Amino acid sequence: MKNNCLTVTYLVKTSLASLNGSDKEADNLSSIKKFTSGDAEYPYGSSQWTRRGLRDQLGAMGWPLSQGQAATIDKGAATTLQDPASYIDDDLFGFMGTVKGQAATKRTSPVRVSPLVALSPFRGDLDFGTNYMSVKDGGNPNIFETEIHSGFYRGTVLIELDRVGADEGFKAPLSSDERAKRVNALLDSLRVLWSSGRQSRYLADISPKFVAGALMSAKNPLFLESLLVHCDDVPEAPLAGALEACGSLVTEHVYGARDGVFGAVPEGTCPIGKAFDIMKNWVDRAYSEGV
């Protein structure tokens, strides 16, 4: 069977952050996005926010990005240039658009992204601030509050290798070398993931501190629910269980960790930079052998 999937589940750690804030609950309170599980609320960064961070990093690394275009029909949604052969983001993240007088066009994203979910609950922490901008002209100081959180977050990226550089939107597949180059650029983007939202006062590092990657002959987010943290340790048993459950469908797997972040990590874990290099070698090999 051909290897048609690369999945990467990763952990990030924030000391103090206000990631992916949602709409204000009140005039002077900026909240963070949360969902309820059991009796607790857990912060999260949306998948759209993560995808935007990955896309922006591709642009920062020199890849030309597809420009946004206004809809040409009433009530139509804005879209991109819809040219996946020319633009890496149209290829990796897909699009949907309509052109007046023509059939709708779409490309389903071959890159599937989970929300970045906190592994520890929200405890109600707030940062207090005051805006004095209007005081000089006789106004009053404006006191405001911002929800903040600290802890580990987990996310997953699944890449359909057989659809990158091919399928919807392409008259013919790109060369194997170009397809591998685009997937490896996405891995580089994930390696240095950063989002510009709420960074002026709450600068946070959301690049992976631990990764569990797998090259597979079936499309499955292998480690999505199995990468855990307990007392700053990464337990091996859930990861091993996920590998056993998928059996021969897993061709290769790798664990990588940043030094000094975790107390204990699974046996065989390598430095995180080496783990990304290993995954990029898998990608080169997969395309050379034909996905």
C-alpha atoms as a PDB file:
ATOM      1  CA  MET A   1       0.000   0.000   0.000  1.00  0.00           C
ATOM      2  CA  LYS A   2       1.165   3.514  -0.788  1.00  0.00           C
ATOM      3  CA  ASN A   3       1.845   6.042   1.951  1.00  0.00           C
ATOM      4  CA  ASN A   4      -0.836   8.674   1.493  1.00  0.00           C
ATOM      5  CA  CYS A   5      -0.963  10.379   4.906  1.00  0.00           C
ATOM      6  CA  LEU A   6       1.353  12.262   7.231  1.00  0.00           C
ATOM      7  CA  THR A   7      -0.099  13.147  10.626  1.00  0.00           C
ATOM      8  CA  VAL A   8       1.601  15.268  13.279  1.00  0.00           C
ATOM      9  CA  THR A   9       0.229  15.803  16.779  1.00  0.00           C
ATOM     10  CA  TYR A  10       2.070  18.415  18.837  1.00  0.00           C
ATOM     11  CA  LEU A  11       2.194  20.115  22.213  1.00  0.00           C
ATOM     12  CA  VAL A  12       2.848  23.797  22.889  1.00  0.00           C
ATOM     13  CA  LYS A  13       3.343  25.453  26.248  1.00  0.00           C
ATOM     14  CA  THR A  14       2.414  28.979  27.276  1.00  0.00           C
ATOM     15  CA  SER A  15       3.528  30.674  30.490  1.00  0.00           C
ATOM     16  CA  LEU A  16       0.946  33.461  30.241  1.00  0.00           C
ATOM     17  CA  ALA A  17      -1.147  34.041  27.145  1.00  0.00           C
ATOM     18  CA  SER A  18      -4.494  35.186  25.811  1.00  0.00           C
ATOM     19  CA  LEU A  19      -4.649  33.074  22.670  1.00  0.00           C
ATOM     20  CA  ASN A  20      -7.257  33.590  19.955  1.00  0.00           C
ATOM     21  CA  GLY A  21      -9.546  35.895  21.930  1.00  0.00           C
ATOM     22  CA  SER A  22     -13.264  35.858  21.194  1.00  0.00           C
ATOM     23  CA  ASP A  23     -15.775  38.696  21.128  1.00  0.00           C
ATOM     24  CA  LYS A  24     -16.005  40.878  24.216  1.00  0.00           C
ATOM     25  CA  GLU A  25     -18.421  39.628  26.833  1.00  0.00           C
ATOM     26  CA  ALA A  26     -18.661  43.194  28.169  1.00  0.00           C
ATOM     27  CA  ASP A  27     -17.264  46.582  27.171  1.00  0.00           C
ATOM     28  CA  ASN A  28     -14.266  46.195  29.457  1.00  0.00           C
ATOM     29  CA  LEU A  29     -13.661  42.396  29.290  1.00  0.00           C
ATOM     30  CA  SER A  30     -11.777  40.626  26.489  1.00  0.00           C
ATOM     31  CA  SER A  31     -12.398  36.903  26.756  1.00  0.00           C
ATOM     32  CA  ILE A  32     -10.589  33.889  25.332  1.00  0.00           C
ATOM     33  CA  LYS A  33     -12.351  31.116  23.441  1.00  0.00           C
ATOM     34  CA  LYS A  34     -13.443  28.250  25.678  1.00  0.00           C
ATOM     35  CA  PHE A  35     -15.516  25.093  25.509  1.00  0.00           C
ATOM     36  CA  THR A  36     -17.074  23.051  28.310  1.00  0.00           C
ATOM     37  CA  SER A  37     -16.064  19.476  29.095  1.00  0.00           C
ATOM     38  CA  GLY A  38     -17.514  17.923  32.232  1.00  0.00           C
ATOM     39  CA  ASP A  39     -17.615  20.605  34.896  1.00  0.00           C
ATOM     40  CA  ALA A  40     -14.726  22.683  33.549  1.00  0.00           C
ATOM     41  CA  GLU A  41     -14.042  25.162  30.763  1.00  0.00           C
ATOM     42  CA  TYR A  42     -10.988  24.681  28.538  1.00  0.00           C
ATOM     43  CA  PRO A  43      -9.393  27.408  26.393  1.00  0.00           C
ATOM     44  CA  TYR A  44      -8.703  26.681  22.738  1.00  0.00           C
ATOM     45  CA  GLY A  45      -7.399  28.265  19.575  1.00  0.00           C
ATOM     46  CA  SER A  46      -9.680  27.643  16.615  1.00  0.00           C
ATOM     47  CA  SER A  47      -8.601  25.639  13.594  1.00  0.00           C
ATOM     48  CA  GLN A  48      -9.129  28.753  11.437  1.00  0.00           C
ATOM     49  CA  TRP A  49      -6.702  30.645  13.661  1.00  0.00           C
ATOM     50  CA  THR A  50      -4.114  27.851  13.401  1.00  0.00           C
ATOM     51  CA  ARG A  51      -4.503  27.622   9.624  1.00  0.00           C
ATOM     52  CA  ARG A  52      -4.029  31.387   9.382  1.00  0.00           C
ATOM     53  CA  GLY A  53      -0.834  31.101  11.426  1.00  0.00           C
ATOM     54  CA  LEU A  54       0.499  28.360   9.139  1.00  0.00           C
ATOM     55  CA  ARG A  55      -0.408  30.372   6.033  1.00  0.00           C
ATOM     56  CA  ASP A  56       1.210  33.552   7.361  1.00  0.00           C
ATOM     57  CA  GLN A  57       4.429  31.667   8.135  1.00  0.00           C
ATOM     58  CA  LEU A  58       4.527  30.335   4.570  1.00  0.00           C
ATOM     59  CA  GLY A  59       4.329  33.930   3.364  1.00  0.00           C
ATOM     60  CA  ALA A  60       7.051  34.989   5.803  1.00  0.00           C
ATOM     61  CA  MET A  61       9.260  32.211   4.428  1.00  0.00           C
ATOM     62  CA  GLY A  62       8.973  33.672   0.922  1.00  0.00           C
ATOM     63  CA  TRP A  63       6.133  31.708  -0.666  1.00  0.00           C
ATOM     64  CA  PRO A  64       3.814  33.891  -2.818  1.00  0.00           C
ATOM     65  CA  LEU A  65       0.292  33.739  -1.392  1.00  0.00           C
ATOM     66  CA  SER A  66      -3.021  33.912  -3.212  1.00  0.00           C
ATOM     67  CA  GLN A  67      -4.724  37.287  -2.806  1.00  0.00           C
ATOM     68  CA  GLY A  68      -8.261  37.710  -1.522  1.00  0.00           C
ATOM     69  CA  GLN A  69     -10.950  38.631  -4.026  1.00  0.00           C
ATOM     70  CA  ALA A  70     -14.379  40.140  -3.464  1.00  0.00           C
ATOM     71  CA  ALA A  71     -17.371  38.088  -4.568  1.00  0.00           C
ATOM     72  CA  THR A  72     -18.770  38.877  -8.020  1.00  0.00           C
ATOM     73  CA  ILE A  73     -22.332  37.813  -7.131  1.00  0.00           C
ATOM     74  CA  ASP A  74     -24.777  39.174  -4.574  1.00  0.00           C
ATOM     75  CA  LYS A  75     -24.255  37.709  -1.090  1.00  0.00           C
ATOM     76  CA  GLY A  76     -21.292  35.717  -2.345  1.00  0.00           C
ATOM     77  CA  ALA A  77     -18.366  35.073  -0.016  1.00  0.00           C
ATOM     78  CA  ALA A  78     -14.938  36.544  -0.646  1.00  0.00           C
ATOM     79  CA  THR A  79     -12.381  34.002  -1.808  1.00  0.00           C
ATOM     80  CA  THR A  80      -8.855  33.781  -3.195  1.00  0.00           C
ATOM     81  CA  LEU A  81      -7.496  33.668  -6.733  1.00  0.00           C
ATOM     82  CA  GLN A  82      -8.371  29.943  -6.734  1.00  0.00           C
ATOM     83  CA  ASP A  83      -5.167  28.932  -8.502  1.00  0.00           C
ATOM     84  CA  PRO A  84      -3.613  25.992  -6.622  1.00  0.00           C
ATOM     85  CA  ALA A  85      -1.048  25.327  -9.326  1.00  0.00           C
ATOM     86  CA  SER A  86       0.477  28.777  -8.766  1.00  0.00           C
ATOM     87  CA  TYR A  87      -0.168  29.393  -5.063  1.00  0.00           C
ATOM     88  CA  ILE A  88       0.763  27.066  -2.220  1.00  0.00           C
ATOM     89  CA  ASP A  89      -2.024  28.267   0.070  1.00  0.00           C
ATOM     90  CA  ASP A  90      -4.734  27.600  -2.522  1.00  0.00           C
ATOM     91  CA  ASP A  91      -3.243  24.125  -2.860  1.00  0.00           C
ATOM     92  CA  LEU A  92      -2.805  23.253   0.830  1.00  0.00           C
ATOM     93  CA  PHE A  93      -5.790  25.033   2.384  1.00  0.00           C
ATOM     94  CA  GLY A  94      -8.338  24.869  -0.417  1.00  0.00           C
ATOM     95  CA  PHE A  95     -10.977  27.390  -1.454  1.00  0.00           C
ATOM     96  CA  MET A  96     -14.577  27.844  -2.429  1.00  0.00           C
ATOM     97  CA  GLY A  97     -15.745  30.569  -4.759  1.00  0.00           C
ATOM     98  CA  THR A  98     -18.285  31.632  -7.307  1.00  0.00           C
ATOM     99  CA  VAL A  99     -17.846  33.708 -10.417  1.00  0.00           C
ATOM    100  CA  LYS A 100     -20.803  35.438 -11.999  1.00  0.00           C
ATOM    101  CA  GLY A 101     -22.088  33.394 -14.901  1.00  0.00           C
ATOM    102  CA  GLN A 102     -19.968  30.343 -14.075  1.00  0.00           C
ATOM    103  CA  ALA A 103     -20.334  27.218 -11.967  1.00  0.00           C
ATOM    104  CA  ALA A 104     -19.056  27.308  -8.394  1.00  0.00           C
ATOM    105  CA  THR A 105     -15.479  26.198  -7.869  1.00  0.00           C
ATOM    106  CA  LYS A 106     -13.992  24.545  -4.819  1.00  0.00           C
ATOM    107  CA  ARG A 107     -10.970  22.668  -3.554  1.00  0.00           C
ATOM    108  CA  THR A 108     -11.281  20.672  -0.347  1.00  0.00           C
ATOM    109  CA  SER A 109      -8.233  21.297   1.804  1.00  0.00           C
ATOM    110  CA  PRO A 110      -5.766  18.375   1.810  1.00  0.00           C
ATOM    111  CA  VAL A 111      -4.408  19.778   5.087  1.00  0.00           C
ATOM    112  CA  ARG A 112      -6.739  19.013   7.995  1.00  0.00           C
ATOM    113  CA  VAL A 113      -6.179  21.015  11.185  1.00  0.00           C
ATOM    114  CA  SER A 114      -7.585  20.460  14.671  1.00  0.00           C
ATOM    115  CA  PRO A 115      -8.214  23.258  17.148  1.00  0.00           C
ATOM    116  CA  LEU A 116      -5.327  23.909  19.551  1.00  0.00           C
ATOM    117  CA  VAL A 117      -6.905  22.697  22.801  1.00  0.00           C
ATOM    118  CA  ALA A 118      -5.681  23.382  26.333  1.00  0.00           C
ATOM    119  CA  LEU A 119      -5.033  20.297  28.456  1.00  0.00           C
ATOM    120  CA  SER A 120      -5.718  22.188  31.699  1.00  0.00           C
ATOM    121  CA  PRO A 121      -8.936  24.074  32.541  1.00  0.00           C
ATOM    122  CA  PHE A 122      -9.491  27.814  32.696  1.00  0.00           C
ATOM    123  CA  ARG A 123      -9.216  29.051  36.293  1.00  0.00           C
ATOM    124  CA  GLY A 124     -10.694  32.505  35.813  1.00  0.00           C
ATOM    125  CA  ASP A 125      -7.369  34.392  35.728  1.00  0.00           C
ATOM    126  CA  LEU A 126      -7.572  38.013  34.583  1.00  0.00           C
ATOM    127  CA  ASP A 127      -5.054  40.669  33.647  1.00  0.00           C
ATOM    128  CA  PHE A 128      -6.048  44.225  34.546  1.00  0.00           C
ATOM    129  CA  GLY A 129      -5.125  47.244  32.454  1.00  0.00           C
ATOM    130  CA  THR A 130      -5.950  50.940  32.073  1.00  0.00           C
ATOM    131  CA  ASN A 131      -6.154  53.041  28.932  1.00  0.00           C
ATOM    132  CA  TYR A 132      -5.120  56.655  29.646  1.00  0.00           C
ATOM    133  CA  MET A 133      -5.287  57.888  26.033  1.00  0.00           C
ATOM    134  CA  SER A 134      -8.210  60.283  26.609  1.00  0.00           C
ATOM    135  CA  VAL A 135      -7.074  61.716  29.949  1.00  0.00           C
ATOM    136  CA  LYS A 136      -5.167  64.618  28.354  1.00  0.00           C
ATOM    137  CA  ASP A 137      -8.404  65.846  26.745  1.00  0.00           C
ATOM    138  CA  GLY A 138     -10.427  65.601  29.944  1.00  0.00           C
ATOM    139  CA  GLY A 139     -11.591  62.033  29.663  1.00  0.00           C
ATOM    140  CA  ASN A 140     -11.459  59.369  32.351  1.00  0.00           C
ATOM    141  CA  PRO A 141      -9.068  56.408  32.427  1.00  0.00           C
ATOM    142  CA  ASN A 142     -10.686  53.319  30.893  1.00  0.00           C
ATOM    143  CA  ILE A 143     -10.125  50.221  33.031  1.00  0.00           C
ATOM    144  CA  PHE A 144     -10.306  46.875  31.206  1.00  0.00           C
ATOM    145  CA  GLU A 145      -9.706  43.187  31.893  1.00  0.00           C
ATOM    146  CA  THR A 146      -8.326  40.383  29.721  1.00  0.00           C
ATOM    147  CA  GLU A 147      -8.706  36.660  30.352  1.00  0.00           C
ATOM    148  CA  ILE A 148      -5.372  34.821  30.480  1.00  0.00           C
ATOM    149  CA  HIS A 149      -4.292  31.197  30.723  1.00  0.00           C
ATOM    150  CA  SER A 150      -1.149  29.112  31.268  1.00  0.00           C
ATOM    151  CA  GLY A 151      -0.423  25.508  30.347  1.00  0.00           C
ATOM    152  CA  PHE A 152      -0.043  22.928  27.598  1.00  0.00           C
ATOM    153  CA  TYR A 153      -2.103  22.941  24.409  1.00  0.00           C
ATOM    154  CA  ARG A 154      -2.448  20.069  21.927  1.00  0.00           C
ATOM    155  CA  GLY A 155      -3.068  20.243  18.183  1.00  0.00           C
ATOM    156  CA  THR A 156      -2.928  17.960  15.157  1.00  0.00           C
ATOM    157  CA  VAL A 157      -2.233  18.437  11.460  1.00  0.00           C
ATOM    158  CA  LEU A 158      -3.145  15.688   8.972  1.00  0.00           C
ATOM    159  CA  ILE A 159      -1.799  15.981   5.422  1.00  0.00           C
ATOM    160  CA  GLU A 160      -3.353  14.003   2.568  1.00  0.00           C
ATOM    161  CA  LEU A 161      -0.161  13.432   0.607  1.00  0.00           C
ATOM    162  CA  ASP A 162      -1.942  12.044  -2.449  1.00  0.00           C
ATOM    163  CA  ARG A 163      -4.001  15.233  -2.835  1.00  0.00           C
ATOM    164  CA  VAL A 164      -1.308  17.897  -2.392  1.00  0.00           C
ATOM    165  CA  GLY A 165      -0.454  19.275  -5.833  1.00  0.00           C
ATOM    166  CA  ALA A 166      -3.190  17.214  -7.456  1.00  0.00           C
ATOM    167  CA  ASP A 167      -6.942  16.544  -7.551  1.00  0.00           C
ATOM    168  CA  GLU A 168      -9.487  19.412  -7.504  1.00  0.00           C
ATOM    169  CA  GLY A 169      -8.341  22.588  -9.240  1.00  0.00           C
ATOM    170  CA  PHE A 170      -5.479  20.959 -11.168  1.00  0.00           C
ATOM    171  CA  LYS A 171      -5.484  20.118 -14.864  1.00  0.00           C
ATOM    172  CA  ALA A 172      -2.549  17.790 -14.170  1.00  0.00           C
ATOM    173  CA  PRO A 173      -0.628  16.948 -10.995  1.00  0.00           C
ATOM    174  CA  LEU A 174       2.472  18.949 -10.155  1.00  0.00           C
ATOM    175  CA  SER A 175       5.835  17.209 -10.303  1.00  0.00           C
ATOM    176  CA  SER A 176       6.740  14.911  -7.403  1.00  0.00           C
ATOM    177  CA  ASP A 177       9.559  17.260  -6.428  1.00  0.00           C
ATOM    178  CA  GLU A 178       7.228  20.269  -6.242  1.00  0.00           C
ATOM    179  CA  ARG A 179       4.634  18.365  -4.238  1.00  0.00           C
ATOM    180  CA  ALA A 180       7.260  17.253  -1.723  1.00  0.00           C
ATOM    181  CA  LYS A 181       8.613  20.791  -1.556  1.00  0.00           C
ATOM    182  CA  ARG A 182       5.185  22.164  -0.649  1.00  0.00           C
ATOM    183  CA  VAL A 183       4.536  19.607   2.095  1.00  0.00           C
ATOM    184  CA  ASN A 184       7.989  20.176   3.565  1.00  0.00           C
ATOM    185  CA  ALA A 185       7.353  23.931   3.535  1.00  0.00           C
ATOM    186  CA  LEU A 186       4.217  23.282   5.586  1.00  0.00           C
ATOM    187  CA  LEU A 187       6.285  21.260   8.072  1.00  0.00           C
ATOM    188  CA  ASP A 188       8.720  24.175   8.333  1.00  0.00           C
ATOM    189  CA  SER A 189       5.765  26.497   8.950  1.00  0.00           C
ATOM    190  CA  LEU A 190       4.481  24.229  11.727  1.00  0.00           C
ATOM    191  CA  ARG A 191       7.969  24.011  13.218  1.00  0.00           C
ATOM    192  CA  VAL A 192       8.001  27.796  13.799  1.00  0.00           C
ATOM    193  CA  LEU A 193       4.228  28.293  14.177  1.00  0.00           C
ATOM    194  CA  TRP A 194       3.218  31.743  15.378  1.00  0.00           C
ATOM    195  CA  SER A 195       0.059  33.799  15.231  1.00  0.00           C
ATOM    196  CA  SER A 196      -0.072  37.589  15.225  1.00  0.00           C
ATOM    197  CA  GLY A 197      -3.344  37.817  17.183  1.00  0.00           C
ATOM    198  CA  ARG A 198      -3.052  39.373  20.685  1.00  0.00           C
ATOM    199  CA  GLN A 199       0.729  39.417  20.538  1.00  0.00           C
ATOM    200  CA  SER A 200       1.328  43.116  21.257  1.00  0.00           C
ATOM    201  CA  ARG A 201       0.832  42.626  25.015  1.00  0.00           C
ATOM    202  CA  TYR A 202       0.746  38.828  25.289  1.00  0.00           C
ATOM    203  CA  LEU A 203       3.630  37.577  23.181  1.00  0.00           C
ATOM    204  CA  ALA A 204       3.437  33.774  23.163  1.00  0.00           C
ATOM    205  CA  ASP A 205       5.425  30.964  21.568  1.00  0.00           C
ATOM    206  CA  ILE A 206       3.073  28.394  20.026  1.00  0.00           C
ATOM    207  CA  SER A 207       5.734  26.451  18.147  1.00  0.00           C
ATOM    208  CA  PRO A 208       5.721  22.716  19.014  1.00  0.00           C
ATOM    209  CA  LYS A 209       7.621  21.579  22.090  1.00  0.00           C
ATOM    210  CA  PHE A 210       6.784  17.901  21.527  1.00  0.00           C
ATOM    211  CA  VAL A 211       5.709  16.164  18.312  1.00  0.00           C
ATOM    212  CA  ALA A 212       4.416  12.693  17.538  1.00  0.00           C
ATOM    213  CA  GLY A 213       4.479  12.083  13.801  1.00  0.00           C
ATOM    214  CA  ALA A 214       3.463   9.119  11.666  1.00  0.00           C
ATOM    215  CA  LEU A 215       3.641   8.206   7.987  1.00  0.00           C
ATOM    216  CA  MET A 216       0.648   6.031   7.135  1.00  0.00           C
ATOM    217  CA  SER A 217      -1.049   4.156   4.322  1.00  0.00           C
ATOM    218  CA  ALA A 218      -4.451   5.191   5.725  1.00  0.00           C
ATOM    219  CA  LYS A 219      -5.764   8.633   6.591  1.00  0.00           C
ATOM    220  CA  ASN A 220      -6.169   8.834  10.359  1.00  0.00           C
ATOM    221  CA  PRO A 221      -5.175  11.428  13.014  1.00  0.00           C
ATOM    222  CA  LEU A 222      -3.356   8.677  14.885  1.00  0.00           C
ATOM    223  CA  PHE A 223      -2.182  10.539  17.997  1.00  0.00           C
ATOM    224  CA  LEU A 224      -4.929  13.177  18.270  1.00  0.00           C
ATOM    225  CA  GLU A 225      -6.373  11.880  21.556  1.00  0.00           C
ATOM    226  CA  SER A 226      -3.291   9.946  22.734  1.00  0.00           C
ATOM    227  CA  LEU A 227      -0.693  12.655  23.309  1.00  0.00           C
ATOM    228  CA  LEU A 228      -1.085  13.641  26.954  1.00  0.00           C
ATOM    229  CA  VAL A 229       0.818  15.448  29.712  1.00  0.00           C
ATOM    230  CA  HIS A 230       0.849  14.313  33.341  1.00  0.00           C
ATOM    231  CA  CYS A 231       2.896  16.280  35.874  1.00  0.00           C
ATOM    232  CA  ASP A 232       5.074  17.620  33.020  1.00  0.00           C
ATOM    233  CA  ASP A 233       5.726  14.056  31.774  1.00  0.00           C
ATOM    234  CA  VAL A 234       4.582  12.712  28.395  1.00  0.00           C
ATOM    235  CA  PRO A 235       3.253   9.164  29.052  1.00  0.00           C
ATOM    236  CA  GLU A 236       4.285   6.552  26.489  1.00  0.00           C
ATOM    237  CA  ALA A 237       1.471   4.042  26.977  1.00  0.00           C
ATOM    238  CA  PRO A 238      -1.324   5.976  25.164  1.00  0.00           C
ATOM    239  CA  LEU A 239       0.980   6.634  22.191  1.00  0.00           C
ATOM    240  CA  ALA A 240       2.014   2.977  22.042  1.00  0.00           C
ATOM    241  CA  GLY A 241      -1.636   1.968  22.221  1.00  0.00           C
ATOM    242  CA  ALA A 242      -2.488   4.187  19.257  1.00  0.00           C
ATOM    243  CA  LEU A 243       0.336   2.640  17.222  1.00  0.00           C
ATOM    244  CA  GLU A 244      -0.796  -0.865  18.123  1.00  0.00           C
ATOM    245  CA  ALA A 245      -4.392  -0.085  17.163  1.00  0.00           C
ATOM    246  CA  CYS A 246      -3.363   0.964  13.646  1.00  0.00           C
ATOM    247  CA  GLY A 247      -0.829  -1.845  13.235  1.00  0.00           C
ATOM    248  CA  SER A 248       0.678  -2.248   9.760  1.00  0.00           C
ATOM    249  CA  LEU A 249      -1.066   0.896   8.494  1.00  0.00           C
ATOM    250  CA  VAL A 250       1.713   2.865  10.214  1.00  0.00           C
ATOM    251  CA  THR A 251       4.859   2.799   8.083  1.00  0.00           C
ATOM    252  CA  GLU A 252       7.052   5.020  10.277  1.00  0.00           C
ATOM    253  CA  HIS A 253       6.657   7.015  13.471  1.00  0.00           C
ATOM    254  CA  VAL A 254       8.808   9.480  15.387  1.00  0.00           C
ATOM    255  CA  TYR A 255       8.719  11.413  18.665  1.00  0.00           C
ATOM    256  CA  GLY A 256      10.583  14.675  19.154  1.00  0.00           C
ATOM    257  CA  ALA A 257      10.911  16.988  22.169  1.00  0.00           C
ATOM    258  CA  ARG A 258      12.458  20.319  23.088  1.00  0.00           C
ATOM    259  CA  ASP A 259      15.071  19.999  25.848  1.00  0.00           C
ATOM    260  CA  GLY A 260      14.110  21.273  29.299  1.00  0.00           C
ATOM    261  CA  VAL A 261      10.333  21.397  28.789  1.00  0.00           C
ATOM    262  CA  PHE A 262       9.283  17.935  29.980  1.00  0.00           C
ATOM    263  CA  GLY A 263      10.323  15.781  32.887  1.00  0.00           C
ATOM    264  CA  ALA A 264      10.074  12.438  31.100  1.00  0.00           C
ATOM    265  CA  VAL A 265       9.348  11.552  27.467  1.00  0.00           C
ATOM    266  CA  PRO A 266       8.779   8.254  25.625  1.00  0.00           C
ATOM    267  CA  GLU A 267      11.786   6.043  24.964  1.00  0.00           C
ATOM    268  CA  GLY A 268      13.449   6.837  21.658  1.00  0.00           C
ATOM    269  CA  THR A 269      12.380  10.494  21.611  1.00  0.00           C
ATOM    270  CA  CYS A 270      14.857  12.590  19.635  1.00  0.00           C
ATOM    271  CA  PRO A 271      15.483  16.363  19.541  1.00  0.00           C
ATOM    272  CA  ILE A 272      12.538  18.123  17.949  1.00  0.00           C
ATOM    273  CA  GLY A 273      14.578  19.523  15.058  1.00  0.00           C
ATOM    274  CA  LYS A 274      15.724  16.032  14.134  1.00  0.00           C
ATOM    275  CA  ALA A 275      12.127  14.767  14.280  1.00  0.00           C
ATOM    276  CA  PHE A 276      11.063  17.367  11.702  1.00  0.00           C
ATOM    277  CA  ASP A 277      14.018  16.446   9.483  1.00  0.00           C
ATOM    278  CA  ILE A 278      13.002  12.778   9.680  1.00  0.00           C
ATOM    279  CA  MET A 279       9.441  13.616   8.648  1.00  0.00           C
ATOM    280  CA  LYS A 280      10.696  15.693   5.722  1.00  0.00           C
ATOM    281  CA  ASN A 281      12.762  12.707   4.575  1.00  0.00           C
ATOM    282  CA  TRP A 282       9.591  10.562   4.720  1.00  0.00           C
ATOM    283  CA  VAL A 283       7.848  13.089   2.487  1.00  0.00           C
ATOM    284  CA  ASP A 284      10.672  13.070  -0.075  1.00  0.00           C
ATOM    285  CA  ARG A 285      10.651   9.282  -0.154  1.00  0.00           C
ATOM    286  CA  ALA A 286       6.853   9.010  -0.377  1.00  0.00           C
ATOM    287  CA  TYR A 287       6.694  11.227  -3.442  1.00  0.00           C
ATOM    288  CA  SER A 288       9.701   9.614  -5.099  1.00  0.00           C
ATOM    289  CA  GLU A 289       7.961   6.222  -4.728  1.00  0.00           C
ATOM    290  CA  GLY A 290       4.601   7.599  -5.864  1.00  0.00           C
ATOM    291  CA  VAL A 291       1.699   8.356  -3.514  1.00  0.00           C
END
